[in-house]
Amino acid sequence: MMGYGTGAIMAVPAHDERDNEFAKKYGLQIVEVLKPDLGKAVDGSLFTGDGVAFNSGLIDGMPTAKAKATVIGEAEKQGIGKKLSSTS
């Protein structure tokens, strides 16, 4: 990761530009987990917008905002994370 530059890898190569470049460079599998609200998965093309989660267990079928809230709630419930207050 030292040569990757600033920032960390989020591990969502189908939905993050830098992760996508990294995965392609190193031949890593790219699994789509988000599709546009009113369409199908984008079949290997990079999709970085808000949409509906799939291949995502607990949050399958949820729009982005609800999926984020659900994941935060689950992290808080398990005592492994908490929602940060917005500063902007």
N, C-alpha and C. Protein backbone atom coordinates (compact mmCIF):
# COMPACT_ATOMS: atom_id res chain seq x y z
N MET A 1 0.81 -1.18 0.00
CA MET A 1 0.00 0.00 0.00
C MET A 1 0.87 1.26 0.00
N MET A 2 2.11 1.14 0.30
CA MET A 2 2.99 2.31 0.38
C MET A 2 3.06 3.06 -0.95
N GLY A 3 3.07 2.35 -2.06
CA GLY A 3 3.15 3.00 -3.36
C GLY A 3 1.82 3.44 -3.92
N TYR A 4 0.75 3.22 -3.17
CA TYR A 4 -0.61 3.54 -3.64
C TYR A 4 -0.94 5.01 -3.50
N GLY A 5 -0.18 5.73 -2.70
CA GLY A 5 -0.45 7.15 -2.49
C GLY A 5 -1.22 7.38 -1.21
N THR A 6 -1.82 8.56 -1.10
CA THR A 6 -2.57 8.87 0.11
C THR A 6 -3.94 8.23 0.06
N GLY A 7 -4.50 7.95 1.21
CA GLY A 7 -5.83 7.33 1.28
C GLY A 7 -5.72 5.84 1.41
N ALA A 8 -6.79 5.23 1.85
CA ALA A 8 -6.82 3.78 2.04
C ALA A 8 -7.70 3.14 0.99
N ILE A 9 -7.55 1.85 0.83
CA ILE A 9 -8.37 1.08 -0.08
C ILE A 9 -9.67 0.73 0.64
N MET A 10 -10.81 1.03 0.01
CA MET A 10 -12.10 0.74 0.65
C MET A 10 -12.57 -0.68 0.33
N ALA A 11 -11.96 -1.31 -0.65
CA ALA A 11 -12.32 -2.67 -1.05
C ALA A 11 -13.68 -2.75 -1.74
N VAL A 12 -14.00 -1.76 -2.53
CA VAL A 12 -15.21 -1.78 -3.36
C VAL A 12 -14.83 -1.40 -4.80
N PRO A 13 -14.06 -2.27 -5.47
CA PRO A 13 -13.54 -1.91 -6.79
C PRO A 13 -14.58 -1.67 -7.88
N ALA A 14 -15.80 -2.14 -7.70
CA ALA A 14 -16.83 -1.87 -8.70
C ALA A 14 -17.44 -0.49 -8.51
N HIS A 15 -17.13 0.17 -7.39
CA HIS A 15 -17.82 1.42 -7.05
C HIS A 15 -16.92 2.53 -6.51
N ASP A 16 -15.63 2.40 -6.67
CA ASP A 16 -14.68 3.43 -6.26
C ASP A 16 -13.56 3.48 -7.30
N GLU A 17 -13.28 4.66 -7.82
CA GLU A 17 -12.33 4.79 -8.92
C GLU A 17 -10.94 4.25 -8.58
N ARG A 18 -10.42 4.62 -7.42
CA ARG A 18 -9.07 4.17 -7.07
C ARG A 18 -9.04 2.67 -6.80
N ASP A 19 -10.06 2.15 -6.13
CA ASP A 19 -10.12 0.70 -5.90
C ASP A 19 -10.23 -0.05 -7.23
N ASN A 20 -10.98 0.52 -8.16
CA ASN A 20 -11.17 -0.09 -9.47
C ASN A 20 -9.83 -0.17 -10.21
N GLU A 21 -9.08 0.92 -10.21
CA GLU A 21 -7.77 0.94 -10.85
C GLU A 21 -6.83 -0.08 -10.20
N PHE A 22 -6.84 -0.13 -8.87
CA PHE A 22 -5.99 -1.06 -8.13
C PHE A 22 -6.34 -2.50 -8.49
N ALA A 23 -7.64 -2.82 -8.47
CA ALA A 23 -8.09 -4.19 -8.76
C ALA A 23 -7.72 -4.61 -10.18
N LYS A 24 -7.91 -3.71 -11.13
CA LYS A 24 -7.56 -4.04 -12.52
C LYS A 24 -6.06 -4.24 -12.68
N LYS A 25 -5.28 -3.38 -12.04
CA LYS A 25 -3.82 -3.47 -12.14
C LYS A 25 -3.31 -4.80 -11.62
N TYR A 26 -3.92 -5.30 -10.53
CA TYR A 26 -3.45 -6.53 -9.90
C TYR A 26 -4.32 -7.74 -10.19
N GLY A 27 -5.25 -7.62 -11.13
CA GLY A 27 -6.06 -8.75 -11.55
C GLY A 27 -6.99 -9.28 -10.47
N LEU A 28 -7.49 -8.40 -9.60
CA LEU A 28 -8.38 -8.81 -8.52
C LEU A 28 -9.83 -8.88 -9.00
N GLN A 29 -10.59 -9.73 -8.37
CA GLN A 29 -12.01 -9.88 -8.71
C GLN A 29 -12.76 -8.59 -8.38
N ILE A 30 -13.67 -8.20 -9.27
CA ILE A 30 -14.50 -7.01 -9.06
C ILE A 30 -15.95 -7.48 -8.96
N VAL A 31 -16.51 -7.39 -7.75
CA VAL A 31 -17.88 -7.83 -7.50
C VAL A 31 -18.77 -6.61 -7.32
N GLU A 32 -19.79 -6.51 -8.13
CA GLU A 32 -20.72 -5.38 -8.01
C GLU A 32 -21.63 -5.59 -6.80
N VAL A 33 -21.84 -4.52 -6.04
CA VAL A 33 -22.71 -4.57 -4.86
C VAL A 33 -23.71 -3.41 -4.84
N LEU A 34 -23.75 -2.65 -5.93
CA LEU A 34 -24.62 -1.49 -6.02
C LEU A 34 -25.07 -1.33 -7.47
N LYS A 35 -26.35 -1.07 -7.65
CA LYS A 35 -26.85 -0.83 -9.01
C LYS A 35 -27.66 0.46 -9.02
N PRO A 36 -27.75 1.09 -10.17
CA PRO A 36 -28.55 2.32 -10.26
C PRO A 36 -29.98 2.06 -9.79
N ASP A 37 -30.62 3.08 -9.23
CA ASP A 37 -31.97 2.94 -8.70
C ASP A 37 -32.95 2.28 -9.67
N LEU A 38 -32.93 2.69 -10.90
CA LEU A 38 -33.94 2.20 -11.85
C LEU A 38 -33.34 1.39 -12.97
N GLY A 39 -32.30 0.66 -12.70
CA GLY A 39 -31.69 -0.10 -13.78
C GLY A 39 -31.07 -1.39 -13.30
N LYS A 40 -30.37 -2.01 -14.19
CA LYS A 40 -29.67 -3.25 -13.87
C LYS A 40 -28.25 -2.90 -13.43
N ALA A 41 -27.55 -3.90 -12.94
CA ALA A 41 -26.14 -3.72 -12.63
C ALA A 41 -25.44 -3.26 -13.90
N VAL A 42 -24.37 -2.55 -13.76
CA VAL A 42 -23.71 -1.94 -14.90
C VAL A 42 -22.69 -2.85 -15.57
N ASP A 43 -22.75 -4.14 -15.29
CA ASP A 43 -21.95 -5.16 -15.97
C ASP A 43 -20.47 -4.83 -16.11
N GLY A 44 -19.81 -4.66 -14.98
CA GLY A 44 -18.37 -4.46 -14.97
C GLY A 44 -17.92 -3.03 -15.14
N SER A 45 -18.80 -2.14 -15.52
CA SER A 45 -18.43 -0.74 -15.62
C SER A 45 -18.46 -0.13 -14.22
N LEU A 46 -17.63 0.86 -14.02
CA LEU A 46 -17.55 1.53 -12.73
C LEU A 46 -18.82 2.33 -12.47
N PHE A 47 -19.51 2.06 -11.36
CA PHE A 47 -20.68 2.83 -10.95
C PHE A 47 -20.42 3.37 -9.56
N THR A 48 -20.39 4.70 -9.42
CA THR A 48 -20.02 5.32 -8.14
C THR A 48 -21.15 6.13 -7.51
N GLY A 49 -22.32 6.12 -8.11
CA GLY A 49 -23.43 6.91 -7.57
C GLY A 49 -24.21 6.20 -6.48
N ASP A 50 -25.26 6.87 -6.01
CA ASP A 50 -26.19 6.24 -5.09
C ASP A 50 -27.07 5.28 -5.87
N GLY A 51 -27.49 4.22 -5.24
CA GLY A 51 -28.33 3.24 -5.92
C GLY A 51 -28.97 2.30 -4.93
N VAL A 52 -29.08 1.04 -5.32
CA VAL A 52 -29.69 0.00 -4.50
C VAL A 52 -28.66 -1.12 -4.30
N ALA A 53 -28.49 -1.53 -3.04
CA ALA A 53 -27.52 -2.56 -2.71
C ALA A 53 -27.99 -3.95 -3.15
N PHE A 54 -27.06 -4.76 -3.64
CA PHE A 54 -27.31 -6.18 -3.91
C PHE A 54 -25.99 -6.91 -3.68
N ASN A 55 -26.04 -8.23 -3.57
CA ASN A 55 -24.86 -9.01 -3.17
C ASN A 55 -24.31 -8.49 -1.84
N SER A 56 -25.20 -8.02 -0.97
CA SER A 56 -24.76 -7.31 0.23
C SER A 56 -25.44 -7.77 1.52
N GLY A 57 -25.96 -8.98 1.54
CA GLY A 57 -26.52 -9.54 2.77
C GLY A 57 -27.57 -8.67 3.43
N LEU A 58 -27.27 -8.21 4.63
CA LEU A 58 -28.19 -7.44 5.46
C LEU A 58 -28.84 -6.27 4.73
N ILE A 59 -28.13 -5.64 3.81
CA ILE A 59 -28.66 -4.42 3.18
C ILE A 59 -29.16 -4.63 1.76
N ASP A 60 -29.27 -5.89 1.31
CA ASP A 60 -29.80 -6.17 -0.03
C ASP A 60 -31.13 -5.45 -0.26
N GLY A 61 -31.25 -4.80 -1.41
CA GLY A 61 -32.49 -4.15 -1.80
C GLY A 61 -32.69 -2.76 -1.22
N MET A 62 -31.77 -2.31 -0.36
CA MET A 62 -31.93 -0.99 0.27
C MET A 62 -31.28 0.10 -0.57
N PRO A 63 -31.92 1.27 -0.66
CA PRO A 63 -31.26 2.41 -1.30
C PRO A 63 -30.08 2.86 -0.43
N THR A 64 -29.15 3.57 -1.03
CA THR A 64 -27.90 3.95 -0.36
C THR A 64 -28.10 4.57 1.02
N ALA A 65 -28.96 5.57 1.15
CA ALA A 65 -29.14 6.25 2.44
C ALA A 65 -29.61 5.29 3.53
N LYS A 66 -30.56 4.44 3.20
CA LYS A 66 -31.08 3.48 4.18
C LYS A 66 -30.01 2.43 4.50
N ALA A 67 -29.26 2.00 3.50
CA ALA A 67 -28.20 1.01 3.71
C ALA A 67 -27.14 1.55 4.65
N LYS A 68 -26.73 2.81 4.45
CA LYS A 68 -25.73 3.41 5.34
C LYS A 68 -26.25 3.47 6.77
N ALA A 69 -27.49 3.91 6.95
CA ALA A 69 -28.07 4.02 8.29
C ALA A 69 -28.16 2.64 8.95
N THR A 70 -28.51 1.62 8.17
CA THR A 70 -28.62 0.26 8.70
C THR A 70 -27.27 -0.27 9.15
N VAL A 71 -26.23 -0.06 8.33
CA VAL A 71 -24.89 -0.53 8.68
C VAL A 71 -24.39 0.19 9.93
N ILE A 72 -24.61 1.49 10.02
CA ILE A 72 -24.20 2.24 11.21
C ILE A 72 -24.94 1.72 12.44
N GLY A 73 -26.24 1.52 12.31
CA GLY A 73 -27.04 0.99 13.42
C GLY A 73 -26.55 -0.37 13.88
N GLU A 74 -26.21 -1.23 12.93
CA GLU A 74 -25.71 -2.56 13.28
C GLU A 74 -24.35 -2.47 13.97
N ALA A 75 -23.48 -1.59 13.51
CA ALA A 75 -22.16 -1.41 14.15
C ALA A 75 -22.33 -0.91 15.58
N GLU A 76 -23.27 0.02 15.77
CA GLU A 76 -23.52 0.53 17.13
C GLU A 76 -24.09 -0.57 18.02
N LYS A 77 -25.01 -1.34 17.47
CA LYS A 77 -25.63 -2.43 18.23
C LYS A 77 -24.60 -3.45 18.69
N GLN A 78 -23.63 -3.74 17.83
CA GLN A 78 -22.59 -4.71 18.15
C GLN A 78 -21.44 -4.10 18.96
N GLY A 79 -21.48 -2.77 19.14
CA GLY A 79 -20.43 -2.11 19.90
C GLY A 79 -19.10 -2.01 19.17
N ILE A 80 -19.15 -2.03 17.84
CA ILE A 80 -17.90 -1.98 17.06
C ILE A 80 -17.75 -0.68 16.28
N GLY A 81 -18.68 0.24 16.44
CA GLY A 81 -18.59 1.52 15.74
C GLY A 81 -19.71 2.42 16.17
N LYS A 82 -19.61 3.68 15.73
CA LYS A 82 -20.68 4.63 16.03
C LYS A 82 -20.72 5.71 14.96
N LYS A 83 -21.87 6.33 14.82
CA LYS A 83 -22.06 7.40 13.86
C LYS A 83 -21.31 8.64 14.35
N LEU A 84 -20.56 9.24 13.45
CA LEU A 84 -19.87 10.49 13.76
C LEU A 84 -20.82 11.64 13.48
N SER A 85 -20.71 12.70 14.25
CA SER A 85 -21.55 13.87 13.98
C SER A 85 -21.02 14.55 12.72
N SER A 86 -21.94 15.09 11.98
CA SER A 86 -21.57 15.81 10.76
C SER A 86 -21.03 17.18 11.13
N THR A 87 -19.93 17.55 10.52
CA THR A 87 -19.33 18.86 10.80
C THR A 87 -19.53 19.82 9.64
N SER A 88 -20.12 19.37 8.55
CA SER A 88 -20.29 20.28 7.42
C SER A 88 -21.73 20.63 7.20
